[in-house]
Amino acid sequence: MSNHPDPSPATGDEGYLVDPRDWTEAFAEAIAAREGLVLTEEHWSLIRWMRAWQEEHGVSPGPRLAVAFLKERGGGRNRLFELFPYGYVKQACKIAGMKKPRIWSTG
């Protein structure tokens, strides 16, 4: 991880970014490390897709869309949990800099 003098972006009490525009790859690496994950290219592929979806649609992609993204690449729901053992909402969304989802399940 590179050194950066900028202060950490603001997060809520559960670690989700207050403003998703503050997200950086360094933030993702720091959150992943805190969660005990080493981000592989497969993680980054999903994270970058999530960021692009949010940029294009103005909202975070739901878990079904993420599973569909992984299915196109030979994965699926089980692979999502292999990549993010604590789940899409609790881990993938947090690392990808999404706002804390209000209505999604933890799956």
N, C-alpha and C. Protein backbone atom coordinates (compact mmCIF):
# COMPACT_ATOMS: atom_id res chain seq x y z
N MET A 1 0.85 -1.17 0.00
CA MET A 1 0.00 0.00 0.00
C MET A 1 0.89 1.23 0.00
N SER A 2 0.54 2.23 -0.75
CA SER A 2 1.36 3.43 -0.85
C SER A 2 1.07 4.38 0.31
N ASN A 3 2.07 5.16 0.66
CA ASN A 3 1.87 6.19 1.68
C ASN A 3 1.10 7.33 1.04
N HIS A 4 0.14 7.86 1.77
CA HIS A 4 -0.58 9.03 1.30
C HIS A 4 -0.86 9.93 2.48
N PRO A 5 -0.54 11.21 2.35
CA PRO A 5 -0.68 12.12 3.47
C PRO A 5 -2.12 12.53 3.75
N ASP A 6 -3.03 12.24 2.82
CA ASP A 6 -4.42 12.64 3.01
C ASP A 6 -5.02 11.91 4.20
N PRO A 7 -5.87 12.60 4.94
CA PRO A 7 -6.55 11.90 6.04
C PRO A 7 -7.49 10.84 5.48
N SER A 8 -7.79 9.86 6.29
CA SER A 8 -8.71 8.81 5.86
C SER A 8 -10.07 9.41 5.57
N PRO A 9 -10.76 8.88 4.57
CA PRO A 9 -12.10 9.40 4.28
C PRO A 9 -13.06 9.10 5.44
N ALA A 10 -14.08 9.92 5.55
CA ALA A 10 -15.07 9.77 6.62
C ALA A 10 -15.88 8.49 6.43
N THR A 11 -15.99 7.74 7.51
CA THR A 11 -16.81 6.53 7.51
C THR A 11 -17.81 6.61 8.65
N GLY A 12 -18.90 5.87 8.49
CA GLY A 12 -19.89 5.79 9.55
C GLY A 12 -19.43 4.82 10.62
N ASP A 13 -20.26 4.61 11.61
CA ASP A 13 -19.87 3.77 12.75
C ASP A 13 -19.60 2.32 12.39
N GLU A 14 -20.08 1.85 11.24
CA GLU A 14 -19.82 0.48 10.83
C GLU A 14 -18.74 0.37 9.77
N GLY A 15 -18.10 1.50 9.43
CA GLY A 15 -16.98 1.48 8.50
C GLY A 15 -17.29 1.74 7.05
N TYR A 16 -18.58 1.99 6.73
CA TYR A 16 -18.94 2.32 5.35
C TYR A 16 -18.61 3.78 5.09
N LEU A 17 -18.19 4.08 3.86
CA LEU A 17 -17.91 5.46 3.50
C LEU A 17 -19.17 6.32 3.62
N VAL A 18 -18.99 7.52 4.12
CA VAL A 18 -20.08 8.48 4.16
C VAL A 18 -20.35 8.99 2.74
N ASP A 19 -19.28 9.24 1.99
CA ASP A 19 -19.40 9.72 0.61
C ASP A 19 -18.60 8.78 -0.29
N PRO A 20 -19.27 7.96 -1.12
CA PRO A 20 -18.57 7.01 -1.98
C PRO A 20 -17.55 7.66 -2.92
N ARG A 21 -17.68 8.96 -3.17
CA ARG A 21 -16.71 9.64 -4.03
C ARG A 21 -15.34 9.76 -3.37
N ASP A 22 -15.28 9.52 -2.06
CA ASP A 22 -14.00 9.57 -1.33
C ASP A 22 -13.20 8.28 -1.46
N TRP A 23 -13.76 7.27 -2.12
CA TRP A 23 -13.13 5.97 -2.23
C TRP A 23 -11.82 6.03 -3.01
N THR A 24 -10.84 5.28 -2.56
CA THR A 24 -9.59 5.09 -3.29
C THR A 24 -9.21 3.62 -3.18
N GLU A 25 -8.32 3.18 -4.05
CA GLU A 25 -7.85 1.80 -3.93
C GLU A 25 -7.10 1.60 -2.62
N ALA A 26 -6.42 2.63 -2.14
CA ALA A 26 -5.72 2.53 -0.85
C ALA A 26 -6.73 2.30 0.28
N PHE A 27 -7.90 2.97 0.21
CA PHE A 27 -8.95 2.74 1.19
C PHE A 27 -9.40 1.29 1.15
N ALA A 28 -9.61 0.78 -0.08
CA ALA A 28 -10.05 -0.62 -0.24
C ALA A 28 -9.04 -1.58 0.36
N GLU A 29 -7.76 -1.35 0.09
CA GLU A 29 -6.70 -2.21 0.64
C GLU A 29 -6.70 -2.17 2.16
N ALA A 30 -6.88 -0.97 2.73
CA ALA A 30 -6.86 -0.83 4.19
C ALA A 30 -8.04 -1.55 4.84
N ILE A 31 -9.23 -1.40 4.26
CA ILE A 31 -10.42 -2.08 4.81
C ILE A 31 -10.27 -3.59 4.65
N ALA A 32 -9.81 -4.02 3.48
CA ALA A 32 -9.62 -5.46 3.25
C ALA A 32 -8.63 -6.04 4.26
N ALA A 33 -7.53 -5.35 4.50
CA ALA A 33 -6.54 -5.83 5.46
C ALA A 33 -7.16 -5.94 6.85
N ARG A 34 -7.95 -4.95 7.21
CA ARG A 34 -8.63 -4.99 8.51
C ARG A 34 -9.59 -6.17 8.59
N GLU A 35 -10.14 -6.56 7.44
CA GLU A 35 -11.08 -7.69 7.38
C GLU A 35 -10.36 -9.02 7.20
N GLY A 36 -9.03 -8.98 7.10
CA GLY A 36 -8.25 -10.20 6.94
C GLY A 36 -8.19 -10.72 5.52
N LEU A 37 -8.45 -9.85 4.55
CA LEU A 37 -8.44 -10.26 3.14
C LEU A 37 -7.24 -9.66 2.41
N VAL A 38 -6.70 -10.44 1.49
CA VAL A 38 -5.72 -9.93 0.53
C VAL A 38 -6.46 -9.88 -0.79
N LEU A 39 -6.56 -8.70 -1.38
CA LEU A 39 -7.34 -8.54 -2.60
C LEU A 39 -6.58 -9.07 -3.80
N THR A 40 -7.22 -10.03 -4.48
CA THR A 40 -6.66 -10.61 -5.70
C THR A 40 -7.25 -9.88 -6.91
N GLU A 41 -6.79 -10.23 -8.09
CA GLU A 41 -7.34 -9.62 -9.29
C GLU A 41 -8.83 -9.93 -9.42
N GLU A 42 -9.25 -11.08 -8.94
CA GLU A 42 -10.68 -11.43 -9.00
C GLU A 42 -11.49 -10.51 -8.09
N HIS A 43 -10.97 -10.22 -6.89
CA HIS A 43 -11.62 -9.24 -6.01
C HIS A 43 -11.72 -7.89 -6.72
N TRP A 44 -10.57 -7.45 -7.27
CA TRP A 44 -10.53 -6.14 -7.92
C TRP A 44 -11.48 -6.06 -9.10
N SER A 45 -11.63 -7.14 -9.84
CA SER A 45 -12.55 -7.16 -10.97
C SER A 45 -13.96 -6.85 -10.50
N LEU A 46 -14.40 -7.50 -9.44
CA LEU A 46 -15.74 -7.27 -8.90
C LEU A 46 -15.84 -5.86 -8.31
N ILE A 47 -14.85 -5.44 -7.57
CA ILE A 47 -14.86 -4.11 -6.96
C ILE A 47 -14.96 -3.03 -8.03
N ARG A 48 -14.16 -3.16 -9.06
CA ARG A 48 -14.18 -2.15 -10.13
C ARG A 48 -15.52 -2.15 -10.87
N TRP A 49 -16.08 -3.34 -11.07
CA TRP A 49 -17.40 -3.42 -11.68
C TRP A 49 -18.44 -2.73 -10.79
N MET A 50 -18.38 -2.97 -9.48
CA MET A 50 -19.32 -2.33 -8.55
C MET A 50 -19.20 -0.81 -8.62
N ARG A 51 -17.96 -0.32 -8.66
CA ARG A 51 -17.73 1.12 -8.72
C ARG A 51 -18.29 1.70 -10.02
N ALA A 52 -18.05 1.00 -11.14
CA ALA A 52 -18.55 1.47 -12.44
C ALA A 52 -20.07 1.47 -12.47
N TRP A 53 -20.69 0.43 -11.91
CA TRP A 53 -22.15 0.35 -11.86
C TRP A 53 -22.70 1.53 -11.08
N GLN A 54 -22.11 1.78 -9.94
CA GLN A 54 -22.57 2.89 -9.10
C GLN A 54 -22.41 4.23 -9.84
N GLU A 55 -21.30 4.40 -10.51
CA GLU A 55 -21.05 5.63 -11.26
C GLU A 55 -22.11 5.81 -12.36
N GLU A 56 -22.42 4.74 -13.06
CA GLU A 56 -23.36 4.82 -14.18
C GLU A 56 -24.81 4.97 -13.73
N HIS A 57 -25.20 4.27 -12.67
CA HIS A 57 -26.60 4.22 -12.26
C HIS A 57 -26.95 5.10 -11.07
N GLY A 58 -25.94 5.60 -10.37
CA GLY A 58 -26.19 6.46 -9.22
C GLY A 58 -26.58 5.73 -7.95
N VAL A 59 -26.58 4.41 -8.00
CA VAL A 59 -26.89 3.58 -6.83
C VAL A 59 -25.95 2.39 -6.82
N SER A 60 -25.81 1.80 -5.66
CA SER A 60 -24.97 0.61 -5.54
C SER A 60 -25.67 -0.58 -6.18
N PRO A 61 -24.91 -1.46 -6.83
CA PRO A 61 -25.54 -2.66 -7.39
C PRO A 61 -25.94 -3.62 -6.28
N GLY A 62 -27.09 -4.24 -6.45
CA GLY A 62 -27.55 -5.22 -5.47
C GLY A 62 -26.78 -6.52 -5.59
N PRO A 63 -26.93 -7.39 -4.59
CA PRO A 63 -26.19 -8.65 -4.60
C PRO A 63 -26.51 -9.55 -5.78
N ARG A 64 -27.75 -9.53 -6.26
CA ARG A 64 -28.10 -10.38 -7.42
C ARG A 64 -27.30 -9.97 -8.65
N LEU A 65 -27.09 -8.67 -8.82
CA LEU A 65 -26.31 -8.19 -9.95
C LEU A 65 -24.86 -8.62 -9.83
N ALA A 66 -24.33 -8.60 -8.62
CA ALA A 66 -22.94 -9.03 -8.40
C ALA A 66 -22.80 -10.52 -8.70
N VAL A 67 -23.77 -11.31 -8.28
CA VAL A 67 -23.74 -12.75 -8.57
C VAL A 67 -23.81 -12.97 -10.08
N ALA A 68 -24.64 -12.21 -10.78
CA ALA A 68 -24.74 -12.33 -12.24
C ALA A 68 -23.40 -11.97 -12.89
N PHE A 69 -22.75 -10.93 -12.39
CA PHE A 69 -21.42 -10.54 -12.89
C PHE A 69 -20.45 -11.70 -12.73
N LEU A 70 -20.44 -12.33 -11.56
CA LEU A 70 -19.53 -13.45 -11.32
C LEU A 70 -19.89 -14.66 -12.18
N LYS A 71 -21.19 -14.91 -12.39
CA LYS A 71 -21.62 -16.04 -13.22
C LYS A 71 -21.08 -15.90 -14.64
N GLU A 72 -21.05 -14.67 -15.15
CA GLU A 72 -20.52 -14.43 -16.49
C GLU A 72 -19.04 -14.81 -16.58
N ARG A 73 -18.39 -14.90 -15.43
CA ARG A 73 -16.96 -15.21 -15.37
C ARG A 73 -16.70 -16.59 -14.77
N GLY A 74 -17.73 -17.43 -14.76
CA GLY A 74 -17.57 -18.80 -14.29
C GLY A 74 -17.76 -18.99 -12.81
N GLY A 75 -18.22 -17.96 -12.10
CA GLY A 75 -18.44 -18.07 -10.64
C GLY A 75 -19.91 -18.08 -10.34
N GLY A 76 -20.28 -17.45 -9.26
CA GLY A 76 -21.68 -17.37 -8.85
C GLY A 76 -21.76 -17.02 -7.38
N ARG A 77 -22.90 -17.36 -6.77
CA ARG A 77 -23.14 -17.00 -5.37
C ARG A 77 -22.09 -17.60 -4.45
N ASN A 78 -21.75 -18.87 -4.64
CA ASN A 78 -20.74 -19.49 -3.78
C ASN A 78 -19.40 -18.78 -3.91
N ARG A 79 -19.06 -18.40 -5.13
CA ARG A 79 -17.79 -17.70 -5.35
C ARG A 79 -17.79 -16.34 -4.67
N LEU A 80 -18.92 -15.68 -4.67
CA LEU A 80 -19.03 -14.39 -3.97
C LEU A 80 -18.66 -14.56 -2.50
N PHE A 81 -19.16 -15.63 -1.88
CA PHE A 81 -18.86 -15.87 -0.47
C PHE A 81 -17.44 -16.38 -0.26
N GLU A 82 -16.86 -17.00 -1.27
CA GLU A 82 -15.44 -17.37 -1.16
C GLU A 82 -14.56 -16.13 -1.20
N LEU A 83 -14.92 -15.19 -2.06
CA LEU A 83 -14.16 -13.95 -2.16
C LEU A 83 -14.38 -13.06 -0.93
N PHE A 84 -15.62 -12.96 -0.50
CA PHE A 84 -15.99 -12.11 0.63
C PHE A 84 -16.76 -12.94 1.65
N PRO A 85 -16.04 -13.63 2.54
CA PRO A 85 -16.67 -14.59 3.46
C PRO A 85 -17.73 -13.98 4.38
N TYR A 86 -17.65 -12.70 4.67
CA TYR A 86 -18.66 -12.08 5.53
C TYR A 86 -19.84 -11.53 4.74
N GLY A 87 -19.84 -11.78 3.42
CA GLY A 87 -20.98 -11.44 2.60
C GLY A 87 -20.81 -10.18 1.78
N TYR A 88 -21.70 -10.06 0.83
CA TYR A 88 -21.66 -8.96 -0.13
C TYR A 88 -21.83 -7.61 0.57
N VAL A 89 -22.85 -7.50 1.41
CA VAL A 89 -23.14 -6.23 2.05
C VAL A 89 -22.09 -5.89 3.10
N LYS A 90 -21.79 -6.84 3.96
CA LYS A 90 -20.89 -6.55 5.08
C LYS A 90 -19.44 -6.41 4.68
N GLN A 91 -19.04 -6.98 3.56
CA GLN A 91 -17.63 -6.93 3.19
C GLN A 91 -17.40 -6.31 1.82
N ALA A 92 -17.99 -6.85 0.78
CA ALA A 92 -17.72 -6.35 -0.57
C ALA A 92 -18.14 -4.89 -0.71
N CYS A 93 -19.33 -4.54 -0.23
CA CYS A 93 -19.80 -3.16 -0.36
C CYS A 93 -18.92 -2.20 0.44
N LYS A 94 -18.52 -2.62 1.60
CA LYS A 94 -17.68 -1.76 2.43
C LYS A 94 -16.33 -1.51 1.76
N ILE A 95 -15.70 -2.57 1.27
CA ILE A 95 -14.39 -2.46 0.62
C ILE A 95 -14.50 -1.65 -0.67
N ALA A 96 -15.60 -1.80 -1.40
CA ALA A 96 -15.79 -1.08 -2.67
C ALA A 96 -16.24 0.36 -2.47
N GLY A 97 -16.43 0.76 -1.22
CA GLY A 97 -16.77 2.15 -0.96
C GLY A 97 -18.22 2.52 -1.19
N MET A 98 -19.11 1.53 -1.10
CA MET A 98 -20.53 1.82 -1.24
C MET A 98 -21.05 2.39 0.08
N LYS A 99 -22.11 3.16 0.00
CA LYS A 99 -22.78 3.59 1.23
C LYS A 99 -23.39 2.36 1.88
N LYS A 100 -23.61 2.44 3.18
CA LYS A 100 -24.23 1.31 3.87
C LYS A 100 -25.63 1.08 3.32
N PRO A 101 -25.88 -0.10 2.78
CA PRO A 101 -27.22 -0.39 2.23
C PRO A 101 -28.27 -0.38 3.34
N ARG A 102 -29.44 0.12 3.02
CA ARG A 102 -30.50 0.20 4.02
C ARG A 102 -31.42 -1.01 4.01
N ILE A 103 -31.67 -1.57 2.83
CA ILE A 103 -32.73 -2.59 2.75
C ILE A 103 -32.25 -3.95 2.28
N TRP A 104 -30.99 -4.09 1.89
CA TRP A 104 -30.53 -5.37 1.40
C TRP A 104 -30.40 -6.37 2.54
N SER A 105 -30.52 -7.64 2.18
CA SER A 105 -30.19 -8.68 3.13
C SER A 105 -28.68 -8.72 3.26
N THR A 106 -28.17 -9.50 4.18
CA THR A 106 -26.72 -9.57 4.37
C THR A 106 -26.07 -10.52 3.39
N GLY A 107 -26.85 -11.13 2.47
CA GLY A 107 -26.31 -12.09 1.52
C GLY A 107 -25.55 -11.49 0.38
